[in-house]
């Protein structure tokens, strides 16, 4: 699924090491309404594994995940 519209909230976790990008995302998602979309940018390569595992085990949906140069981008819909 390709996400076409603007996310409801942005989280810049650049420069943070595992597990901080995921912890910050969890905090942001907990304050959002169901169906809203969070866009996370991170520079920690370990976040690829972390975000996939987290969304697989939660009611949130990983809509999109891609790499832009040295930055990892995630679009997560609040479940």
PDB file of N, CA and C in Angstrom:
ATOM      1  N   UNK A   1       0.848  -1.190   0.000  1.00  0.00           N
ATOM      2  CA  UNK A   1       0.000   0.000   0.000  1.00  0.00           C
ATOM      3  C   UNK A   1       0.883   1.239   0.000  1.00  0.00           C
ATOM      4  N   UNK A   2       0.614   2.154  -0.876  1.00  0.00           N
ATOM      5  CA  UNK A   2       1.372   3.401  -0.936  1.00  0.00           C
ATOM      6  C   UNK A   2       0.532   4.493  -0.291  1.00  0.00           C
ATOM      7  N   UNK A   3       1.134   5.186   0.640  1.00  0.00           N
ATOM      8  CA  UNK A   3       0.449   6.237   1.378  1.00  0.00           C
ATOM      9  C   UNK A   3       0.538   7.537   0.580  1.00  0.00           C
ATOM     10  N   UNK A   4      -0.604   8.142   0.271  1.00  0.00           N
ATOM     11  CA  UNK A   4      -0.622   9.289  -0.648  1.00  0.00           C
ATOM     12  C   UNK A   4      -0.811  10.643   0.025  1.00  0.00           C
ATOM     13  N   UNK A   5      -1.472  10.696   1.182  1.00  0.00           N
ATOM     14  CA  UNK A   5      -1.759  11.996   1.791  1.00  0.00           C
ATOM     15  C   UNK A   5      -0.734  12.349   2.865  1.00  0.00           C
ATOM     16  N   UNK A   6      -0.911  13.499   3.464  1.00  0.00           N
ATOM     17  CA  UNK A   6       0.011  13.966   4.495  1.00  0.00           C
ATOM     18  C   UNK A   6      -0.239  13.225   5.810  1.00  0.00           C
ATOM     19  N   UNK A   7       0.815  12.871   6.533  1.00  0.00           N
ATOM     20  CA  UNK A   7       0.628  12.238   7.841  1.00  0.00           C
ATOM     21  C   UNK A   7       0.042  13.246   8.840  1.00  0.00           C
ATOM     22  N   UNK A   8      -0.593  12.716   9.872  1.00  0.00           N
ATOM     23  CA  UNK A   8      -1.184  13.577  10.901  1.00  0.00           C
ATOM     24  C   UNK A   8      -0.140  14.138  11.852  1.00  0.00           C
ATOM     25  N   UNK A   9       0.960  13.399  12.018  1.00  0.00           N
ATOM     26  CA  UNK A   9       2.007  13.838  12.933  1.00  0.00           C
ATOM     27  C   UNK A   9       3.359  13.379  12.419  1.00  0.00           C
ATOM     28  N   UNK A  10       4.388  14.191  12.678  1.00  0.00           N
ATOM     29  CA  UNK A  10       5.759  13.870  12.282  1.00  0.00           C
ATOM     30  C   UNK A  10       6.599  13.652  13.529  1.00  0.00           C
ATOM     31  N   UNK A  11       7.490  12.662  13.470  1.00  0.00           N
ATOM     32  CA  UNK A  11       8.419  12.410  14.564  1.00  0.00           C
ATOM     33  C   UNK A  11       9.812  12.256  13.967  1.00  0.00           C
ATOM     34  N   UNK A  12      10.717  13.140  14.336  1.00  0.00           N
ATOM     35  CA  UNK A  12      12.099  13.060  13.870  1.00  0.00           C
ATOM     36  C   UNK A  12      12.933  12.399  14.957  1.00  0.00           C
ATOM     37  N   UNK A  13      13.290  11.138  14.731  1.00  0.00           N
ATOM     38  CA  UNK A  13      14.098  10.386  15.694  1.00  0.00           C
ATOM     39  C   UNK A  13      15.530  10.242  15.181  1.00  0.00           C
ATOM     40  N   UNK A  14      15.926  11.124  14.276  1.00  0.00           N
ATOM     41  CA  UNK A  14      17.278  11.093  13.714  1.00  0.00           C
ATOM     42  C   UNK A  14      18.308  11.281  14.821  1.00  0.00           C
ATOM     43  N   UNK A  15      19.378  10.498  14.753  1.00  0.00           N
ATOM     44  CA  UNK A  15      20.453  10.616  15.727  1.00  0.00           C
ATOM     45  C   UNK A  15      20.224   9.802  16.992  1.00  0.00           C
ATOM     46  N   UNK A  16      19.036   9.240  17.157  1.00  0.00           N
ATOM     47  CA  UNK A  16      18.750   8.420  18.331  1.00  0.00           C
ATOM     48  C   UNK A  16      19.059   6.962  18.026  1.00  0.00           C
ATOM     49  N   UNK A  17      19.637   6.272  18.988  1.00  0.00           N
ATOM     50  CA  UNK A  17      19.963   4.858  18.812  1.00  0.00           C
ATOM     51  C   UNK A  17      18.891   3.976  19.440  1.00  0.00           C
ATOM     52  N   UNK A  18      18.837   2.743  18.980  1.00  0.00           N
ATOM     53  CA  UNK A  18      17.903   1.730  19.451  1.00  0.00           C
ATOM     54  C   UNK A  18      17.977   1.658  20.983  1.00  0.00           C
ATOM     55  N   UNK A  19      16.874   1.628  21.670  1.00  0.00           N
ATOM     56  CA  UNK A  19      15.490   1.506  21.222  1.00  0.00           C
ATOM     57  C   UNK A  19      14.731   2.831  21.185  1.00  0.00           C
ATOM     58  N   UNK A  20      15.439   3.961  21.273  1.00  0.00           N
ATOM     59  CA  UNK A  20      14.761   5.258  21.397  1.00  0.00           C
ATOM     60  C   UNK A  20      13.827   5.621  20.254  1.00  0.00           C
ATOM     61  N   UNK A  21      14.166   5.367  18.973  1.00  0.00           N
ATOM     62  CA  UNK A  21      13.195   5.723  17.923  1.00  0.00           C
ATOM     63  C   UNK A  21      11.845   5.030  18.121  1.00  0.00           C
ATOM     64  N   UNK A  22      11.877   3.750  18.480  1.00  0.00           N
ATOM     65  CA  UNK A  22      10.633   3.019  18.689  1.00  0.00           C
ATOM     66  C   UNK A  22       9.898   3.518  19.934  1.00  0.00           C
ATOM     67  N   UNK A  23      10.624   3.789  21.008  1.00  0.00           N
ATOM     68  CA  UNK A  23       9.980   4.288  22.232  1.00  0.00           C
ATOM     69  C   UNK A  23       9.305   5.630  21.990  1.00  0.00           C
ATOM     70  N   UNK A  24       9.972   6.512  21.263  1.00  0.00           N
ATOM     71  CA  UNK A  24       9.381   7.825  20.941  1.00  0.00           C
ATOM     72  C   UNK A  24       8.139   7.648  20.066  1.00  0.00           C
ATOM     73  N   UNK A  25       8.201   6.704  19.128  1.00  0.00           N
ATOM     74  CA  UNK A  25       7.050   6.443  18.260  1.00  0.00           C
ATOM     75  C   UNK A  25       5.877   5.903  19.075  1.00  0.00           C
ATOM     76  N   UNK A  26       6.153   4.993  20.003  1.00  0.00           N
ATOM     77  CA  UNK A  26       5.091   4.444  20.862  1.00  0.00           C
ATOM     78  C   UNK A  26       4.413   5.563  21.651  1.00  0.00           C
ATOM     79  N   UNK A  27       5.219   6.472  22.200  1.00  0.00           N
ATOM     80  CA  UNK A  27       4.672   7.603  22.959  1.00  0.00           C
ATOM     81  C   UNK A  27       3.790   8.475  22.073  1.00  0.00           C
ATOM     82  N   UNK A  28       4.250   8.766  20.871  1.00  0.00           N
ATOM     83  CA  UNK A  28       3.487   9.614  19.949  1.00  0.00           C
ATOM     84  C   UNK A  28       2.184   8.926  19.552  1.00  0.00           C
ATOM     85  N   UNK A  29       2.258   7.635  19.223  1.00  0.00           N
ATOM     86  CA  UNK A  29       1.066   6.897  18.811  1.00  0.00           C
ATOM     87  C   UNK A  29       0.025   6.846  19.921  1.00  0.00           C
ATOM     88  N   UNK A  30       0.465   6.747  21.161  1.00  0.00           N
ATOM     89  CA  UNK A  30      -0.479   6.641  22.277  1.00  0.00           C
ATOM     90  C   UNK A  30      -1.304   7.914  22.456  1.00  0.00           C
ATOM     91  N   UNK A  31      -0.813   9.034  21.934  1.00  0.00           N
ATOM     92  CA  UNK A  31      -1.514  10.323  22.049  1.00  0.00           C
ATOM     93  C   UNK A  31      -2.363  10.640  20.822  1.00  0.00           C
ATOM     94  N   UNK A  32      -2.293   9.766  19.818  1.00  0.00           N
ATOM     95  CA  UNK A  32      -3.017  10.006  18.569  1.00  0.00           C
ATOM     96  C   UNK A  32      -4.354   9.271  18.582  1.00  0.00           C
ATOM     97  N   UNK A  33      -5.248   9.683  17.673  1.00  0.00           N
ATOM     98  CA  UNK A  33      -6.535   9.021  17.544  1.00  0.00           C
ATOM     99  C   UNK A  33      -6.417   7.837  16.586  1.00  0.00           C
ATOM    100  N   UNK A  34      -7.278   6.836  16.768  1.00  0.00           N
ATOM    101  CA  UNK A  34      -7.283   5.663  15.901  1.00  0.00           C
ATOM    102  C   UNK A  34      -7.482   6.113  14.447  1.00  0.00           C
ATOM    103  N   UNK A  35      -6.668   5.563  13.560  1.00  0.00           N
ATOM    104  CA  UNK A  35      -6.752   5.891  12.144  1.00  0.00           C
ATOM    105  C   UNK A  35      -5.801   6.990  11.702  1.00  0.00           C
ATOM    106  N   UNK A  36      -5.251   7.749  12.665  1.00  0.00           N
ATOM    107  CA  UNK A  36      -4.302   8.790  12.294  1.00  0.00           C
ATOM    108  C   UNK A  36      -2.970   8.156  11.913  1.00  0.00           C
ATOM    109  N   UNK A  37      -2.170   8.891  11.137  1.00  0.00           N
ATOM    110  CA  UNK A  37      -0.906   8.361  10.621  1.00  0.00           C
ATOM    111  C   UNK A  37       0.275   9.154  11.171  1.00  0.00           C
ATOM    112  N   UNK A  38       1.261   8.410  11.657  1.00  0.00           N
ATOM    113  CA  UNK A  38       2.503   8.979  12.178  1.00  0.00           C
ATOM    114  C   UNK A  38       3.618   8.693  11.181  1.00  0.00           C
ATOM    115  N   UNK A  39       4.380   9.736  10.844  1.00  0.00           N
ATOM    116  CA  UNK A  39       5.559   9.564   9.994  1.00  0.00           C
ATOM    117  C   UNK A  39       6.789   9.700  10.883  1.00  0.00           C
ATOM    118  N   UNK A  40       7.608   8.653  10.894  1.00  0.00           N
ATOM    119  CA  UNK A  40       8.824   8.638  11.706  1.00  0.00           C
ATOM    120  C   UNK A  40      10.030   8.631  10.785  1.00  0.00           C
ATOM    121  N   UNK A  41      11.006   9.476  11.084  1.00  0.00           N
ATOM    122  CA  UNK A  41      12.293   9.425  10.386  1.00  0.00           C
ATOM    123  C   UNK A  41      13.352   9.073  11.421  1.00  0.00           C
ATOM    124  N   UNK A  42      14.218   8.131  11.076  1.00  0.00           N
ATOM    125  CA  UNK A  42      15.261   7.663  11.984  1.00  0.00           C
ATOM    126  C   UNK A  42      16.539   7.407  11.205  1.00  0.00           C
ATOM    127  N   UNK A  43      17.657   7.395  11.914  1.00  0.00           N
ATOM    128  CA  UNK A  43      18.940   7.119  11.274  1.00  0.00           C
ATOM    129  C   UNK A  43      19.554   5.813  11.774  1.00  0.00           C
ATOM    130  N   UNK A  44      18.922   5.165  12.719  1.00  0.00           N
ATOM    131  CA  UNK A  44      19.418   3.900  13.273  1.00  0.00           C
ATOM    132  C   UNK A  44      18.933   2.734  12.414  1.00  0.00           C
ATOM    133  N   UNK A  45      19.864   2.000  11.816  1.00  0.00           N
ATOM    134  CA  UNK A  45      19.502   0.879  10.937  1.00  0.00           C
ATOM    135  C   UNK A  45      18.718  -0.199  11.681  1.00  0.00           C
ATOM    136  N   UNK A  46      18.927  -0.324  12.976  1.00  0.00           N
ATOM    137  CA  UNK A  46      18.199  -1.303  13.772  1.00  0.00           C
ATOM    138  C   UNK A  46      16.713  -1.001  13.856  1.00  0.00           C
ATOM    139  N   UNK A  47      16.344   0.222  13.536  1.00  0.00           N
ATOM    140  CA  UNK A  47      14.931   0.595  13.612  1.00  0.00           C
ATOM    141  C   UNK A  47      14.101  -0.158  12.571  1.00  0.00           C
ATOM    142  N   UNK A  48      14.714  -0.603  11.480  1.00  0.00           N
ATOM    143  CA  UNK A  48      13.981  -1.353  10.453  1.00  0.00           C
ATOM    144  C   UNK A  48      13.376  -2.607  11.079  1.00  0.00           C
ATOM    145  N   UNK A  49      14.179  -3.352  11.788  1.00  0.00           N
ATOM    146  CA  UNK A  49      13.731  -4.574  12.463  1.00  0.00           C
ATOM    147  C   UNK A  49      12.733  -4.235  13.575  1.00  0.00           C
ATOM    148  N   UNK A  50      13.039  -3.207  14.356  1.00  0.00           N
ATOM    149  CA  UNK A  50      12.205  -2.840  15.501  1.00  0.00           C
ATOM    150  C   UNK A  50      10.786  -2.445  15.094  1.00  0.00           C
ATOM    151  N   UNK A  51      10.665  -1.583  14.091  1.00  0.00           N
ATOM    152  CA  UNK A  51       9.340  -1.104  13.692  1.00  0.00           C
ATOM    153  C   UNK A  51       8.512  -2.220  13.070  1.00  0.00           C
ATOM    154  N   UNK A  52       9.142  -3.086  12.287  1.00  0.00           N
ATOM    155  CA  UNK A  52       8.426  -4.213  11.684  1.00  0.00           C
ATOM    156  C   UNK A  52       7.901  -5.140  12.778  1.00  0.00           C
ATOM    157  N   UNK A  53       8.759  -5.504  13.719  1.00  0.00           N
ATOM    158  CA  UNK A  53       8.358  -6.414  14.798  1.00  0.00           C
ATOM    159  C   UNK A  53       7.256  -5.781  15.650  1.00  0.00           C
ATOM    160  N   UNK A  54       7.394  -4.513  15.954  1.00  0.00           N
ATOM    161  CA  UNK A  54       6.406  -3.839  16.797  1.00  0.00           C
ATOM    162  C   UNK A  54       5.029  -3.790  16.132  1.00  0.00           C
ATOM    163  N   UNK A  55       5.001  -3.388  14.861  1.00  0.00           N
ATOM    164  CA  UNK A  55       3.696  -3.279  14.194  1.00  0.00           C
ATOM    165  C   UNK A  55       3.089  -4.663  13.937  1.00  0.00           C
ATOM    166  N   UNK A  56       3.922  -5.678  13.742  1.00  0.00           N
ATOM    167  CA  UNK A  56       3.401  -7.046  13.573  1.00  0.00           C
ATOM    168  C   UNK A  56       2.715  -7.538  14.852  1.00  0.00           C
ATOM    169  N   UNK A  57       3.168  -7.058  15.996  1.00  0.00           N
ATOM    170  CA  UNK A  57       2.660  -7.532  17.284  1.00  0.00           C
ATOM    171  C   UNK A  57       1.651  -6.585  17.923  1.00  0.00           C
ATOM    172  N   UNK A  58       1.353  -5.473  17.260  1.00  0.00           N
ATOM    173  CA  UNK A  58       0.413  -4.495  17.823  1.00  0.00           C
ATOM    174  C   UNK A  58      -0.781  -4.339  16.889  1.00  0.00           C
ATOM    175  N   UNK A  59      -1.703  -3.472  17.270  1.00  0.00           N
ATOM    176  CA  UNK A  59      -2.858  -3.218  16.400  1.00  0.00           C
ATOM    177  C   UNK A  59      -2.592  -2.070  15.427  1.00  0.00           C
ATOM    178  N   UNK A  60      -1.363  -1.539  15.428  1.00  0.00           N
ATOM    179  CA  UNK A  60      -0.988  -0.481  14.498  1.00  0.00           C
ATOM    180  C   UNK A  60      -0.565  -1.117  13.159  1.00  0.00           C
ATOM    181  N   UNK A  61      -0.664  -0.335  12.085  1.00  0.00           N
ATOM    182  CA  UNK A  61      -0.310  -0.848  10.758  1.00  0.00           C
ATOM    183  C   UNK A  61       0.878  -0.080  10.188  1.00  0.00           C
ATOM    184  N   UNK A  62       1.894  -0.799   9.761  1.00  0.00           N
ATOM    185  CA  UNK A  62       3.033  -0.200   9.075  1.00  0.00           C
ATOM    186  C   UNK A  62       2.633  -0.051   7.617  1.00  0.00           C
ATOM    187  N   UNK A  63       2.234   1.158   7.233  1.00  0.00           N
ATOM    188  CA  UNK A  63       1.737   1.415   5.880  1.00  0.00           C
ATOM    189  C   UNK A  63       2.856   1.411   4.854  1.00  0.00           C
ATOM    190  N   UNK A  64       3.996   1.969   5.274  1.00  0.00           N
ATOM    191  CA  UNK A  64       5.109   2.108   4.334  1.00  0.00           C
ATOM    192  C   UNK A  64       6.403   2.209   5.125  1.00  0.00           C
ATOM    193  N   UNK A  65       7.467   1.677   4.560  1.00  0.00           N
ATOM    194  CA  UNK A  65       8.790   1.726   5.164  1.00  0.00           C
ATOM    195  C   UNK A  65       9.788   1.818   4.028  1.00  0.00           C
ATOM    196  N   UNK A  66      10.619   2.852   4.044  1.00  0.00           N
ATOM    197  CA  UNK A  66      11.610   2.981   2.980  1.00  0.00           C
ATOM    198  C   UNK A  66      12.837   3.728   3.486  1.00  0.00           C
ATOM    199  N   UNK A  67      13.902   3.661   2.690  1.00  0.00           N
ATOM    200  CA  UNK A  67      15.152   4.320   3.034  1.00  0.00           C
ATOM    201  C   UNK A  67      15.400   5.452   2.044  1.00  0.00           C
ATOM    202  N   UNK A  68      15.765   6.615   2.581  1.00  0.00           N
ATOM    203  CA  UNK A  68      16.087   7.775   1.759  1.00  0.00           C
ATOM    204  C   UNK A  68      17.502   8.198   2.145  1.00  0.00           C
ATOM    205  N   UNK A  69      18.482   7.795   1.361  1.00  0.00           N
ATOM    206  CA  UNK A  69      19.907   7.970   1.653  1.00  0.00           C
ATOM    207  C   UNK A  69      20.213   7.279   2.978  1.00  0.00           C
ATOM    208  N   UNK A  70      20.577   7.999   4.029  1.00  0.00           N
ATOM    209  CA  UNK A  70      20.911   7.379   5.316  1.00  0.00           C
ATOM    210  C   UNK A  70      19.767   7.489   6.321  1.00  0.00           C
ATOM    211  N   UNK A  71      18.579   7.801   5.837  1.00  0.00           N
ATOM    212  CA  UNK A  71      17.431   7.984   6.710  1.00  0.00           C
ATOM    213  C   UNK A  71      16.383   6.907   6.439  1.00  0.00           C
ATOM    214  N   UNK A  72      15.842   6.372   7.517  1.00  0.00           N
ATOM    215  CA  UNK A  72      14.793   5.358   7.427  1.00  0.00           C
ATOM    216  C   UNK A  72      13.470   6.036   7.747  1.00  0.00           C
ATOM    217  N   UNK A  73      12.473   5.808   6.897  1.00  0.00           N
ATOM    218  CA  UNK A  73      11.174   6.484   7.029  1.00  0.00           C
ATOM    219  C   UNK A  73      10.087   5.431   7.220  1.00  0.00           C
ATOM    220  N   UNK A  74       9.203   5.691   8.181  1.00  0.00           N
ATOM    221  CA  UNK A  74       8.105   4.775   8.491  1.00  0.00           C
ATOM    222  C   UNK A  74       6.809   5.542   8.557  1.00  0.00           C
ATOM    223  N   UNK A  75       5.776   4.994   7.965  1.00  0.00           N
ATOM    224  CA  UNK A  75       4.421   5.547   8.065  1.00  0.00           C
ATOM    225  C   UNK A  75       3.581   4.505   8.793  1.00  0.00           C
ATOM    226  N   UNK A  76       3.069   4.903   9.962  1.00  0.00           N
ATOM    227  CA  UNK A  76       2.333   3.973  10.821  1.00  0.00           C
ATOM    228  C   UNK A  76       0.943   4.521  11.091  1.00  0.00           C
ATOM    229  N   UNK A  77      -0.071   3.686  10.817  1.00  0.00           N
ATOM    230  CA  UNK A  77      -1.449   4.074  11.130  1.00  0.00           C
ATOM    231  C   UNK A  77      -1.785   3.560  12.518  1.00  0.00           C
ATOM    232  N   UNK A  78      -2.296   4.466  13.354  1.00  0.00           N
ATOM    233  CA  UNK A  78      -2.685   4.123  14.726  1.00  0.00           C
ATOM    234  C   UNK A  78      -3.847   3.146  14.695  1.00  0.00           C
ATOM    235  N   UNK A  79      -3.700   2.026  15.408  1.00  0.00           N
ATOM    236  CA  UNK A  79      -4.754   1.016  15.470  1.00  0.00           C
ATOM    237  C   UNK A  79      -5.620   1.181  16.697  1.00  0.00           C
TER     238      UNK A  79
END
